[in-house]
Amino acid sequence: MTTAVHFDLDGTLLQFTRPYGTFVAEVLDTHLGRAPDELVEAYDEAFFERFAAMEPAPVRGAMTAVVERAHEQDLPVGEPNVDEMVATLSRAEYAGTRVSEGVPALLDRLDAAGCRLGVLTNGLPGWQTGKLDQHGLTERFDDVCTSYDAGAHKPDRELFAAAAERLPADRHVMIGDDFEPDVQGARDAGWEAVHLDGITGARAGSIAELESTLALLGGE
């Protein structure tokens, strides 16, 4: 029986080394010369509104909204290049992530057990694969499926169906740190799921369940 194991990306395979808002603040300070909390919050609101609606280029749209907000408040920010702001944020985000402890060994174990490995993440294709590339992880996976690829965010069943189609297997297992989108979403789609604390590598509910799952997958 073929088993496909799908990993969430942010908070599971990778961890941010500092609060995400500090990345946004650095971008605003670099390109606008100031980074008040109000503008950082305006970016968050604008991004998530666009992201939830599956709008194209939500990062660029959010940066544009921040610049417009600054102009409305008569802040002396000039006419910053929004595309450069997006590029600055992507570089900061890539550099501000690290591989979660234990991930390489876990991937080795699953690979040795004959599992197919995938990444299933809410995010933009280029943005998410860029982070995997940053850490040399892309080649460890048979497929990377993002919510923008499928036109649906976790926990929508459409995303899990798209991932299963892209990575065919008799059995699908989701490993993620966020219970509702990762675990409950997977189970609602008919998959098995393991809820991980991405920082410590421990299961949020029970280490025994994680060990049992690994045993079923061919681990110790």
N, C-alpha and C. Protein backbone atom coordinates (compact mmCIF):
# COMPACT_ATOMS: atom_id res chain seq x y z
N MET A 1 0.85 -1.20 0.00
CA MET A 1 0.00 0.00 0.00
C MET A 1 0.88 1.25 0.00
N THR A 2 0.61 2.15 -0.92
CA THR A 2 1.40 3.37 -1.02
C THR A 2 0.86 4.43 -0.06
N THR A 3 1.78 5.05 0.68
CA THR A 3 1.41 6.11 1.61
C THR A 3 2.05 7.42 1.19
N ALA A 4 1.25 8.47 1.15
CA ALA A 4 1.75 9.82 0.89
C ALA A 4 1.65 10.63 2.18
N VAL A 5 2.74 11.23 2.57
CA VAL A 5 2.77 12.06 3.77
C VAL A 5 2.95 13.51 3.34
N HIS A 6 1.99 14.36 3.71
CA HIS A 6 1.98 15.76 3.31
C HIS A 6 2.29 16.62 4.53
N PHE A 7 3.21 17.54 4.38
CA PHE A 7 3.61 18.44 5.47
C PHE A 7 3.12 19.86 5.22
N ASP A 8 2.62 20.48 6.27
CA ASP A 8 2.41 21.92 6.26
C ASP A 8 3.80 22.57 6.22
N LEU A 9 3.87 23.82 5.74
CA LEU A 9 5.17 24.48 5.64
C LEU A 9 5.46 25.38 6.84
N ASP A 10 4.81 26.54 6.91
CA ASP A 10 5.11 27.50 7.96
C ASP A 10 4.60 27.01 9.31
N GLY A 11 5.52 26.90 10.26
CA GLY A 11 5.16 26.42 11.59
C GLY A 11 5.34 24.93 11.75
N THR A 12 5.61 24.22 10.66
CA THR A 12 5.80 22.77 10.72
C THR A 12 7.18 22.42 10.17
N LEU A 13 7.36 22.48 8.86
CA LEU A 13 8.69 22.24 8.29
C LEU A 13 9.65 23.38 8.65
N LEU A 14 9.13 24.60 8.59
CA LEU A 14 9.95 25.78 8.86
C LEU A 14 9.36 26.58 10.01
N GLN A 15 10.26 27.30 10.71
CA GLN A 15 9.86 28.20 11.78
C GLN A 15 10.38 29.60 11.48
N PHE A 16 9.59 30.61 11.81
CA PHE A 16 10.08 31.97 11.73
C PHE A 16 10.98 32.25 12.93
N THR A 17 12.09 32.95 12.69
CA THR A 17 13.04 33.21 13.76
C THR A 17 12.65 34.43 14.60
N ARG A 18 11.67 35.19 14.15
CA ARG A 18 11.19 36.35 14.90
C ARG A 18 9.77 36.67 14.44
N PRO A 19 9.05 37.51 15.18
CA PRO A 19 7.67 37.81 14.82
C PRO A 19 7.56 38.36 13.41
N TYR A 20 6.52 37.91 12.68
CA TYR A 20 6.39 38.29 11.27
C TYR A 20 6.25 39.81 11.09
N GLY A 21 5.62 40.46 12.05
CA GLY A 21 5.43 41.90 11.94
C GLY A 21 6.73 42.66 11.83
N THR A 22 7.82 42.09 12.38
CA THR A 22 9.10 42.79 12.29
C THR A 22 9.63 42.80 10.86
N PHE A 23 9.28 41.78 10.06
CA PHE A 23 9.67 41.78 8.64
C PHE A 23 8.98 42.93 7.91
N VAL A 24 7.67 43.05 8.16
CA VAL A 24 6.90 44.11 7.51
C VAL A 24 7.42 45.48 7.95
N ALA A 25 7.70 45.64 9.24
CA ALA A 25 8.19 46.92 9.76
C ALA A 25 9.51 47.30 9.10
N GLU A 26 10.38 46.32 8.88
CA GLU A 26 11.66 46.61 8.24
C GLU A 26 11.45 47.09 6.80
N VAL A 27 10.51 46.47 6.10
CA VAL A 27 10.23 46.89 4.73
C VAL A 27 9.73 48.33 4.71
N LEU A 28 8.80 48.65 5.59
CA LEU A 28 8.25 50.00 5.62
C LEU A 28 9.31 51.01 6.01
N ASP A 29 10.14 50.67 6.96
CA ASP A 29 11.19 51.58 7.39
C ASP A 29 12.20 51.82 6.26
N THR A 30 12.50 50.75 5.52
CA THR A 30 13.47 50.86 4.42
C THR A 30 12.93 51.70 3.27
N HIS A 31 11.68 51.49 2.90
CA HIS A 31 11.14 52.12 1.71
C HIS A 31 10.30 53.38 1.97
N LEU A 32 9.74 53.47 3.18
CA LEU A 32 8.91 54.64 3.49
C LEU A 32 9.60 55.58 4.48
N GLY A 33 10.66 55.10 5.11
CA GLY A 33 11.37 55.91 6.09
C GLY A 33 10.71 55.94 7.44
N ARG A 34 9.70 55.11 7.63
CA ARG A 34 8.98 55.05 8.91
C ARG A 34 8.15 53.77 8.92
N ALA A 35 7.86 53.27 10.13
CA ALA A 35 7.09 52.03 10.24
C ALA A 35 6.20 52.07 11.48
N PRO A 36 5.24 52.99 11.52
CA PRO A 36 4.32 53.04 12.66
C PRO A 36 3.47 51.78 12.73
N ASP A 37 3.10 51.42 13.93
CA ASP A 37 2.29 50.21 14.12
C ASP A 37 1.04 50.22 13.27
N GLU A 38 0.45 51.41 13.08
CA GLU A 38 -0.78 51.51 12.31
C GLU A 38 -0.58 51.03 10.87
N LEU A 39 0.57 51.34 10.27
CA LEU A 39 0.83 50.91 8.90
C LEU A 39 1.15 49.42 8.83
N VAL A 40 1.82 48.91 9.85
CA VAL A 40 2.08 47.46 9.90
C VAL A 40 0.76 46.71 9.99
N GLU A 41 -0.14 47.21 10.84
CA GLU A 41 -1.46 46.59 10.96
C GLU A 41 -2.27 46.75 9.67
N ALA A 42 -2.11 47.87 9.00
CA ALA A 42 -2.82 48.08 7.74
C ALA A 42 -2.36 47.08 6.69
N TYR A 43 -1.06 46.77 6.70
CA TYR A 43 -0.56 45.75 5.77
C TYR A 43 -1.20 44.40 6.07
N ASP A 44 -1.21 44.01 7.34
CA ASP A 44 -1.78 42.71 7.72
C ASP A 44 -3.23 42.60 7.27
N GLU A 45 -4.01 43.63 7.57
CA GLU A 45 -5.43 43.60 7.22
C GLU A 45 -5.61 43.51 5.70
N ALA A 46 -4.85 44.31 4.98
CA ALA A 46 -4.99 44.33 3.52
C ALA A 46 -4.54 43.01 2.91
N PHE A 47 -3.46 42.45 3.43
CA PHE A 47 -2.97 41.19 2.88
C PHE A 47 -3.97 40.06 3.10
N PHE A 48 -4.40 39.88 4.34
CA PHE A 48 -5.28 38.75 4.63
C PHE A 48 -6.63 38.86 3.94
N GLU A 49 -7.12 40.08 3.75
CA GLU A 49 -8.36 40.26 3.01
C GLU A 49 -8.19 39.78 1.57
N ARG A 50 -7.08 40.15 0.96
CA ARG A 50 -6.82 39.75 -0.43
C ARG A 50 -6.48 38.27 -0.53
N PHE A 51 -5.73 37.78 0.43
CA PHE A 51 -5.32 36.38 0.42
C PHE A 51 -6.54 35.47 0.57
N ALA A 52 -7.43 35.81 1.50
CA ALA A 52 -8.62 34.99 1.71
C ALA A 52 -9.50 34.95 0.47
N ALA A 53 -9.50 36.03 -0.29
CA ALA A 53 -10.33 36.13 -1.50
C ALA A 53 -9.62 35.56 -2.72
N MET A 54 -8.42 35.03 -2.54
CA MET A 54 -7.64 34.45 -3.65
C MET A 54 -7.33 35.49 -4.72
N GLU A 55 -7.18 36.73 -4.31
CA GLU A 55 -6.81 37.75 -5.28
C GLU A 55 -5.37 37.52 -5.75
N PRO A 56 -5.09 37.81 -7.01
CA PRO A 56 -3.72 37.67 -7.48
C PRO A 56 -2.80 38.71 -6.81
N ALA A 57 -1.55 38.33 -6.58
CA ALA A 57 -0.55 39.25 -6.02
C ALA A 57 -1.03 39.94 -4.74
N PRO A 58 -1.43 39.19 -3.71
CA PRO A 58 -1.94 39.84 -2.50
C PRO A 58 -0.88 40.63 -1.74
N VAL A 59 0.37 40.23 -1.85
CA VAL A 59 1.43 40.98 -1.16
C VAL A 59 1.57 42.36 -1.80
N ARG A 60 1.62 42.39 -3.12
CA ARG A 60 1.74 43.67 -3.82
C ARG A 60 0.52 44.54 -3.53
N GLY A 61 -0.66 43.93 -3.55
CA GLY A 61 -1.87 44.68 -3.27
C GLY A 61 -1.86 45.29 -1.88
N ALA A 62 -1.35 44.53 -0.92
CA ALA A 62 -1.30 45.02 0.46
C ALA A 62 -0.28 46.14 0.60
N MET A 63 0.88 46.00 -0.06
CA MET A 63 1.88 47.07 -0.01
C MET A 63 1.33 48.35 -0.65
N THR A 64 0.60 48.20 -1.75
CA THR A 64 -0.01 49.35 -2.39
C THR A 64 -1.00 50.03 -1.45
N ALA A 65 -1.78 49.22 -0.73
CA ALA A 65 -2.75 49.77 0.23
C ALA A 65 -2.05 50.53 1.35
N VAL A 66 -0.90 50.06 1.78
CA VAL A 66 -0.16 50.74 2.83
C VAL A 66 0.35 52.10 2.35
N VAL A 67 0.88 52.12 1.13
CA VAL A 67 1.36 53.39 0.58
C VAL A 67 0.20 54.38 0.44
N GLU A 68 -0.93 53.90 0.00
CA GLU A 68 -2.11 54.77 -0.13
C GLU A 68 -2.54 55.30 1.24
N ARG A 69 -2.49 54.42 2.25
CA ARG A 69 -2.85 54.86 3.61
C ARG A 69 -1.89 55.94 4.10
N ALA A 70 -0.61 55.76 3.82
CA ALA A 70 0.37 56.76 4.24
C ALA A 70 0.11 58.10 3.56
N HIS A 71 -0.24 58.07 2.28
CA HIS A 71 -0.55 59.31 1.57
C HIS A 71 -1.79 59.97 2.14
N GLU A 72 -2.80 59.16 2.49
CA GLU A 72 -4.02 59.70 3.08
C GLU A 72 -3.74 60.43 4.39
N GLN A 73 -2.73 59.94 5.11
CA GLN A 73 -2.36 60.55 6.38
C GLN A 73 -1.32 61.65 6.22
N ASP A 74 -1.03 61.99 4.96
CA ASP A 74 -0.06 63.05 4.64
C ASP A 74 1.32 62.77 5.23
N LEU A 75 1.68 61.51 5.28
CA LEU A 75 3.02 61.15 5.73
C LEU A 75 4.00 61.36 4.58
N PRO A 76 5.16 61.91 4.84
CA PRO A 76 6.13 62.20 3.76
C PRO A 76 6.88 60.95 3.32
N VAL A 77 6.21 60.08 2.57
CA VAL A 77 6.83 58.82 2.16
C VAL A 77 7.25 58.80 0.70
N GLY A 78 6.94 59.87 -0.04
CA GLY A 78 7.31 59.92 -1.44
C GLY A 78 6.50 58.94 -2.28
N GLU A 79 7.12 58.43 -3.34
CA GLU A 79 6.47 57.47 -4.23
C GLU A 79 7.32 56.20 -4.30
N PRO A 80 7.26 55.37 -3.27
CA PRO A 80 8.10 54.18 -3.23
C PRO A 80 7.73 53.17 -4.31
N ASN A 81 8.68 52.40 -4.73
CA ASN A 81 8.47 51.35 -5.72
C ASN A 81 7.88 50.13 -5.01
N VAL A 82 6.63 49.84 -5.29
CA VAL A 82 5.94 48.77 -4.58
C VAL A 82 6.57 47.41 -4.88
N ASP A 83 7.00 47.20 -6.11
CA ASP A 83 7.63 45.92 -6.45
C ASP A 83 8.92 45.71 -5.66
N GLU A 84 9.66 46.78 -5.42
CA GLU A 84 10.86 46.66 -4.60
C GLU A 84 10.50 46.35 -3.15
N MET A 85 9.39 46.90 -2.68
CA MET A 85 8.94 46.60 -1.32
C MET A 85 8.61 45.12 -1.19
N VAL A 86 7.94 44.56 -2.20
CA VAL A 86 7.60 43.14 -2.19
C VAL A 86 8.87 42.30 -2.19
N ALA A 87 9.84 42.66 -3.01
CA ALA A 87 11.10 41.92 -3.08
C ALA A 87 11.85 41.97 -1.75
N THR A 88 11.83 43.12 -1.10
CA THR A 88 12.49 43.25 0.20
C THR A 88 11.83 42.34 1.23
N LEU A 89 10.50 42.28 1.20
CA LEU A 89 9.79 41.42 2.15
C LEU A 89 10.11 39.95 1.90
N SER A 90 10.14 39.54 0.63
CA SER A 90 10.42 38.13 0.35
C SER A 90 11.81 37.75 0.82
N ARG A 91 12.80 38.62 0.58
CA ARG A 91 14.16 38.32 1.05
C ARG A 91 14.21 38.22 2.56
N ALA A 92 13.52 39.13 3.24
CA ALA A 92 13.52 39.13 4.70
C ALA A 92 12.86 37.87 5.24
N GLU A 93 11.74 37.48 4.61
CA GLU A 93 11.03 36.29 5.08
C GLU A 93 11.85 35.03 4.86
N TYR A 94 12.46 34.90 3.70
CA TYR A 94 13.28 33.71 3.44
C TYR A 94 14.42 33.61 4.45
N ALA A 95 15.10 34.74 4.66
CA ALA A 95 16.24 34.74 5.58
C ALA A 95 15.81 34.56 7.03
N GLY A 96 14.56 34.91 7.32
CA GLY A 96 14.07 34.84 8.69
C GLY A 96 13.37 33.55 9.03
N THR A 97 13.69 32.47 8.31
CA THR A 97 13.13 31.16 8.64
C THR A 97 14.26 30.18 8.89
N ARG A 98 13.93 29.12 9.61
CA ARG A 98 14.88 28.03 9.84
C ARG A 98 14.13 26.71 9.74
N VAL A 99 14.86 25.66 9.45
CA VAL A 99 14.26 24.33 9.39
C VAL A 99 13.96 23.86 10.81
N SER A 100 12.77 23.34 11.04
CA SER A 100 12.40 22.85 12.36
C SER A 100 13.28 21.69 12.77
N GLU A 101 13.60 21.66 14.05
CA GLU A 101 14.45 20.60 14.58
C GLU A 101 13.81 19.23 14.32
N GLY A 102 14.62 18.32 13.84
CA GLY A 102 14.16 16.95 13.62
C GLY A 102 13.58 16.69 12.24
N VAL A 103 13.37 17.74 11.44
CA VAL A 103 12.76 17.54 10.12
C VAL A 103 13.62 16.68 9.20
N PRO A 104 14.91 16.96 9.04
CA PRO A 104 15.70 16.12 8.13
C PRO A 104 15.67 14.64 8.49
N ALA A 105 15.78 14.34 9.77
CA ALA A 105 15.76 12.94 10.20
C ALA A 105 14.40 12.31 9.94
N LEU A 106 13.32 13.06 10.16
CA LEU A 106 11.98 12.53 9.91
C LEU A 106 11.78 12.27 8.42
N LEU A 107 12.24 13.18 7.58
CA LEU A 107 12.13 12.97 6.13
C LEU A 107 12.93 11.75 5.70
N ASP A 108 14.10 11.58 6.29
CA ASP A 108 14.92 10.39 5.98
C ASP A 108 14.18 9.12 6.34
N ARG A 109 13.53 9.12 7.51
CA ARG A 109 12.83 7.93 7.98
C ARG A 109 11.66 7.59 7.06
N LEU A 110 10.90 8.60 6.71
CA LEU A 110 9.75 8.37 5.85
C LEU A 110 10.17 7.96 4.44
N ASP A 111 11.23 8.57 3.94
CA ASP A 111 11.73 8.21 2.62
C ASP A 111 12.21 6.76 2.60
N ALA A 112 12.91 6.38 3.65
CA ALA A 112 13.40 5.00 3.73
C ALA A 112 12.26 4.01 3.83
N ALA A 113 11.12 4.45 4.38
CA ALA A 113 9.95 3.58 4.50
C ALA A 113 9.17 3.48 3.19
N GLY A 114 9.61 4.22 2.18
CA GLY A 114 8.94 4.16 0.88
C GLY A 114 7.77 5.09 0.73
N CYS A 115 7.63 6.06 1.64
CA CYS A 115 6.52 7.01 1.56
C CYS A 115 6.78 8.04 0.47
N ARG A 116 5.71 8.51 -0.15
CA ARG A 116 5.78 9.66 -1.03
C ARG A 116 5.63 10.91 -0.16
N LEU A 117 6.41 11.94 -0.44
CA LEU A 117 6.44 13.11 0.43
C LEU A 117 5.96 14.34 -0.32
N GLY A 118 5.08 15.10 0.34
CA GLY A 118 4.56 16.31 -0.27
C GLY A 118 4.48 17.45 0.73
N VAL A 119 4.38 18.66 0.21
CA VAL A 119 4.12 19.84 1.01
C VAL A 119 2.74 20.34 0.62
N LEU A 120 1.91 20.61 1.61
CA LEU A 120 0.54 21.11 1.39
C LEU A 120 0.39 22.36 2.24
N THR A 121 0.36 23.52 1.59
CA THR A 121 0.46 24.78 2.32
C THR A 121 -0.48 25.84 1.80
N ASN A 122 -1.02 26.62 2.71
CA ASN A 122 -1.75 27.82 2.32
C ASN A 122 -0.73 28.88 1.94
N GLY A 123 -0.74 29.30 0.68
CA GLY A 123 0.24 30.30 0.29
C GLY A 123 0.36 30.44 -1.21
N LEU A 124 1.29 31.30 -1.60
CA LEU A 124 1.57 31.58 -3.00
C LEU A 124 2.65 30.63 -3.50
N PRO A 125 2.49 30.06 -4.69
CA PRO A 125 3.44 29.05 -5.17
C PRO A 125 4.90 29.49 -5.14
N GLY A 126 5.21 30.62 -5.79
CA GLY A 126 6.60 31.05 -5.84
C GLY A 126 7.14 31.41 -4.47
N TRP A 127 6.29 32.01 -3.65
CA TRP A 127 6.71 32.44 -2.31
C TRP A 127 7.06 31.23 -1.44
N GLN A 128 6.22 30.21 -1.46
CA GLN A 128 6.44 29.04 -0.62
C GLN A 128 7.60 28.18 -1.11
N THR A 129 7.68 27.96 -2.42
CA THR A 129 8.80 27.18 -2.93
C THR A 129 10.12 27.93 -2.74
N GLY A 130 10.05 29.26 -2.74
CA GLY A 130 11.26 30.04 -2.47
C GLY A 130 11.83 29.76 -1.10
N LYS A 131 10.96 29.58 -0.11
CA LYS A 131 11.44 29.26 1.24
C LYS A 131 12.03 27.86 1.29
N LEU A 132 11.41 26.93 0.60
CA LEU A 132 11.97 25.58 0.54
C LEU A 132 13.34 25.60 -0.15
N ASP A 133 13.44 26.35 -1.24
CA ASP A 133 14.72 26.48 -1.94
C ASP A 133 15.79 27.08 -1.03
N GLN A 134 15.40 28.05 -0.24
CA GLN A 134 16.32 28.73 0.66
C GLN A 134 17.04 27.74 1.57
N HIS A 135 16.32 26.69 1.94
CA HIS A 135 16.88 25.72 2.89
C HIS A 135 17.23 24.39 2.25
N GLY A 136 17.22 24.34 0.93
CA GLY A 136 17.61 23.11 0.24
C GLY A 136 16.65 21.96 0.46
N LEU A 137 15.37 22.27 0.65
CA LEU A 137 14.39 21.23 0.95
C LEU A 137 13.54 20.82 -0.25
N THR A 138 13.53 21.62 -1.29
CA THR A 138 12.61 21.37 -2.40
C THR A 138 12.76 19.98 -2.97
N GLU A 139 13.99 19.53 -3.16
CA GLU A 139 14.22 18.23 -3.78
C GLU A 139 13.86 17.07 -2.88
N ARG A 140 13.57 17.34 -1.61
CA ARG A 140 13.18 16.25 -0.70
C ARG A 140 11.73 15.81 -0.92
N PHE A 141 10.97 16.60 -1.69
CA PHE A 141 9.54 16.34 -1.82
C PHE A 141 9.16 16.00 -3.26
N ASP A 142 8.18 15.11 -3.37
CA ASP A 142 7.67 14.72 -4.68
C ASP A 142 6.71 15.75 -5.26
N ASP A 143 6.10 16.56 -4.39
CA ASP A 143 5.18 17.58 -4.87
C ASP A 143 5.03 18.68 -3.83
N VAL A 144 4.83 19.89 -4.30
CA VAL A 144 4.51 21.03 -3.43
C VAL A 144 3.20 21.61 -3.95
N CYS A 145 2.15 21.49 -3.16
CA CYS A 145 0.82 21.96 -3.54
C CYS A 145 0.43 23.13 -2.65
N THR A 146 0.20 24.29 -3.25
CA THR A 146 -0.21 25.46 -2.48
C THR A 146 -1.70 25.73 -2.69
N SER A 147 -2.25 26.51 -1.79
CA SER A 147 -3.68 26.82 -1.89
C SER A 147 -3.98 27.62 -3.15
N TYR A 148 -3.04 28.44 -3.59
CA TYR A 148 -3.26 29.20 -4.82
C TYR A 148 -3.22 28.30 -6.05
N ASP A 149 -2.50 27.18 -5.97
CA ASP A 149 -2.54 26.20 -7.06
C ASP A 149 -3.94 25.61 -7.22
N ALA A 150 -4.57 25.34 -6.08
CA ALA A 150 -5.86 24.63 -6.07
C ALA A 150 -7.06 25.56 -6.07
N GLY A 151 -6.84 26.83 -5.78
CA GLY A 151 -7.96 27.76 -5.70
C GLY A 151 -8.78 27.62 -4.44
N ALA A 152 -8.18 27.07 -3.39
CA ALA A 152 -8.87 26.89 -2.11
C ALA A 152 -7.84 26.80 -1.01
N HIS A 153 -8.17 27.38 0.13
CA HIS A 153 -7.28 27.33 1.30
C HIS A 153 -7.69 26.20 2.23
N LYS A 154 -6.72 25.63 2.95
CA LYS A 154 -7.07 24.72 4.03
C LYS A 154 -7.95 25.48 5.02
N PRO A 155 -8.99 24.88 5.57
CA PRO A 155 -9.32 23.44 5.57
C PRO A 155 -10.28 22.99 4.46
N ASP A 156 -10.42 23.75 3.39
CA ASP A 156 -11.32 23.38 2.30
C ASP A 156 -10.92 22.02 1.71
N ARG A 157 -11.90 21.16 1.54
CA ARG A 157 -11.61 19.83 1.01
C ARG A 157 -11.03 19.87 -0.40
N GLU A 158 -11.34 20.93 -1.15
CA GLU A 158 -10.84 21.02 -2.52
C GLU A 158 -9.32 21.01 -2.56
N LEU A 159 -8.69 21.64 -1.57
CA LEU A 159 -7.23 21.67 -1.55
C LEU A 159 -6.66 20.28 -1.28
N PHE A 160 -7.26 19.55 -0.36
CA PHE A 160 -6.79 18.19 -0.08
C PHE A 160 -7.02 17.28 -1.28
N ALA A 161 -8.14 17.48 -1.97
CA ALA A 161 -8.41 16.67 -3.16
C ALA A 161 -7.37 16.96 -4.24
N ALA A 162 -7.01 18.22 -4.39
CA ALA A 162 -6.01 18.58 -5.39
C ALA A 162 -4.66 17.97 -5.04
N ALA A 163 -4.31 17.99 -3.77
CA ALA A 163 -3.03 17.42 -3.35
C ALA A 163 -3.00 15.91 -3.58
N ALA A 164 -4.13 15.25 -3.31
CA ALA A 164 -4.20 13.80 -3.52
C ALA A 164 -4.10 13.45 -5.00
N GLU A 165 -4.66 14.31 -5.84
CA GLU A 165 -4.58 14.06 -7.28
C GLU A 165 -3.16 14.26 -7.79
N ARG A 166 -2.48 15.23 -7.23
CA ARG A 166 -1.12 15.52 -7.66
C ARG A 166 -0.11 14.50 -7.11
N LEU A 167 -0.44 13.88 -5.99
CA LEU A 167 0.46 12.91 -5.36
C LEU A 167 -0.34 11.64 -5.05
N PRO A 168 -0.64 10.85 -6.06
CA PRO A 168 -1.51 9.68 -5.86
C PRO A 168 -0.92 8.67 -4.88
N ALA A 169 -1.78 8.13 -4.04
CA ALA A 169 -1.37 7.12 -3.06
C ALA A 169 -2.63 6.43 -2.53
N ASP A 170 -2.44 5.26 -1.92
CA ASP A 170 -3.56 4.54 -1.31
C ASP A 170 -3.98 5.19 0.00
N ARG A 171 -3.05 5.88 0.64
CA ARG A 171 -3.29 6.43 1.97
C ARG A 171 -2.61 7.78 2.07
N HIS A 172 -3.31 8.75 2.65
CA HIS A 172 -2.76 10.10 2.78
C HIS A 172 -2.73 10.50 4.26
N VAL A 173 -1.60 11.07 4.67
CA VAL A 173 -1.42 11.51 6.05
C VAL A 173 -0.95 12.96 6.02
N MET A 174 -1.60 13.81 6.83
CA MET A 174 -1.22 15.22 6.93
C MET A 174 -0.50 15.46 8.24
N ILE A 175 0.61 16.16 8.21
CA ILE A 175 1.35 16.54 9.42
C ILE A 175 1.40 18.06 9.46
N GLY A 176 0.83 18.65 10.52
CA GLY A 176 0.81 20.10 10.60
C GLY A 176 0.66 20.61 12.01
N ASP A 177 0.92 21.91 12.19
CA ASP A 177 0.92 22.50 13.52
C ASP A 177 -0.37 23.20 13.87
N ASP A 178 -1.21 23.47 12.88
CA ASP A 178 -2.43 24.25 13.10
C ASP A 178 -3.63 23.31 13.02
N PHE A 179 -4.32 23.12 14.13
CA PHE A 179 -5.30 22.04 14.22
C PHE A 179 -6.42 22.15 13.20
N GLU A 180 -7.10 23.28 13.15
CA GLU A 180 -8.30 23.35 12.29
C GLU A 180 -7.96 23.18 10.81
N PRO A 181 -7.03 23.97 10.24
CA PRO A 181 -6.77 23.80 8.80
C PRO A 181 -6.02 22.53 8.45
N ASP A 182 -5.06 22.14 9.29
CA ASP A 182 -4.21 21.00 8.96
C ASP A 182 -4.85 19.67 9.36
N VAL A 183 -5.19 19.56 10.63
CA VAL A 183 -5.65 18.28 11.16
C VAL A 183 -7.12 18.04 10.87
N GLN A 184 -7.98 18.98 11.29
CA GLN A 184 -9.40 18.79 11.06
C GLN A 184 -9.72 18.80 9.57
N GLY A 185 -9.06 19.68 8.83
CA GLY A 185 -9.28 19.72 7.39
C GLY A 185 -8.93 18.41 6.73
N ALA A 186 -7.80 17.82 7.14
CA ALA A 186 -7.38 16.53 6.57
C ALA A 186 -8.36 15.43 6.92
N ARG A 187 -8.77 15.38 8.16
CA ARG A 187 -9.69 14.32 8.59
C ARG A 187 -11.04 14.46 7.90
N ASP A 188 -11.50 15.68 7.71
CA ASP A 188 -12.77 15.88 7.00
C ASP A 188 -12.67 15.43 5.55
N ALA A 189 -11.45 15.45 5.01
CA ALA A 189 -11.22 15.01 3.64
C ALA A 189 -10.98 13.51 3.53
N GLY A 190 -11.05 12.82 4.68
CA GLY A 190 -10.85 11.38 4.67
C GLY A 190 -9.41 10.95 4.84
N TRP A 191 -8.54 11.89 5.21
CA TRP A 191 -7.13 11.57 5.45
C TRP A 191 -6.90 11.28 6.93
N GLU A 192 -5.74 10.73 7.21
CA GLU A 192 -5.25 10.66 8.58
C GLU A 192 -4.46 11.93 8.85
N ALA A 193 -4.24 12.26 10.11
CA ALA A 193 -3.52 13.49 10.42
C ALA A 193 -2.79 13.37 11.75
N VAL A 194 -1.66 14.04 11.83
CA VAL A 194 -0.88 14.13 13.06
C VAL A 194 -0.69 15.61 13.37
N HIS A 195 -1.01 16.00 14.59
CA HIS A 195 -0.89 17.39 15.01
C HIS A 195 0.45 17.59 15.70
N LEU A 196 1.31 18.40 15.10
CA LEU A 196 2.65 18.61 15.64
C LEU A 196 2.82 20.01 16.21
N ASP A 197 3.66 20.09 17.23
CA ASP A 197 4.19 21.37 17.68
C ASP A 197 5.48 21.55 16.90
N GLY A 198 5.48 22.47 15.96
CA GLY A 198 6.62 22.59 15.06
C GLY A 198 7.90 23.03 15.71
N ILE A 199 7.83 23.58 16.91
CA ILE A 199 9.05 24.06 17.56
C ILE A 199 9.79 22.93 18.25
N THR A 200 9.06 22.10 18.98
CA THR A 200 9.71 21.05 19.75
C THR A 200 9.71 19.70 19.06
N GLY A 201 8.87 19.55 18.04
CA GLY A 201 8.77 18.26 17.37
C GLY A 201 7.83 17.32 18.09
N ALA A 202 7.24 17.77 19.21
CA ALA A 202 6.34 16.91 19.98
C ALA A 202 4.92 17.08 19.48
N ARG A 203 4.14 16.02 19.62
CA ARG A 203 2.74 16.11 19.24
C ARG A 203 2.00 16.92 20.28
N ALA A 204 1.08 17.79 19.80
CA ALA A 204 0.36 18.66 20.71
C ALA A 204 -0.50 17.87 21.69
N GLY A 205 -1.05 16.73 21.23
CA GLY A 205 -1.92 15.96 22.10
C GLY A 205 -1.21 14.83 22.79
N SER A 206 -0.50 14.00 22.04
CA SER A 206 0.10 12.81 22.63
C SER A 206 1.29 12.33 21.80
N ILE A 207 2.44 12.19 22.45
CA ILE A 207 3.62 11.65 21.77
C ILE A 207 3.32 10.24 21.27
N ALA A 208 2.53 9.50 22.02
CA ALA A 208 2.24 8.12 21.65
C ALA A 208 1.58 8.04 20.29
N GLU A 209 0.68 8.98 19.99
CA GLU A 209 0.01 8.93 18.69
C GLU A 209 0.99 9.20 17.56
N LEU A 210 1.90 10.15 17.79
CA LEU A 210 2.91 10.43 16.78
C LEU A 210 3.77 9.20 16.54
N GLU A 211 4.23 8.56 17.61
CA GLU A 211 5.07 7.38 17.47
C GLU A 211 4.32 6.24 16.79
N SER A 212 3.04 6.08 17.13
CA SER A 212 2.24 5.04 16.50
C SER A 212 2.09 5.30 15.01
N THR A 213 1.88 6.58 14.66
CA THR A 213 1.74 6.90 13.24
C THR A 213 3.02 6.59 12.49
N LEU A 214 4.15 6.96 13.07
CA LEU A 214 5.43 6.67 12.43
C LEU A 214 5.64 5.18 12.30
N ALA A 215 5.21 4.42 13.29
CA ALA A 215 5.34 2.98 13.22
C ALA A 215 4.51 2.41 12.07
N LEU A 216 3.30 2.94 11.91
CA LEU A 216 2.44 2.49 10.81
C LEU A 216 3.05 2.83 9.45
N LEU A 217 3.84 3.93 9.44
CA LEU A 217 4.45 4.34 8.19
C LEU A 217 5.77 3.60 7.92
N GLY A 218 6.14 2.74 8.85
CA GLY A 218 7.36 1.97 8.64
C GLY A 218 8.51 2.39 9.52
N GLY A 219 8.25 3.35 10.43
CA GLY A 219 9.32 3.77 11.33
C GLY A 219 9.41 2.84 12.51
N GLU A 220 10.23 3.26 13.50
CA GLU A 220 10.43 2.40 14.67
C GLU A 220 9.22 2.46 15.61
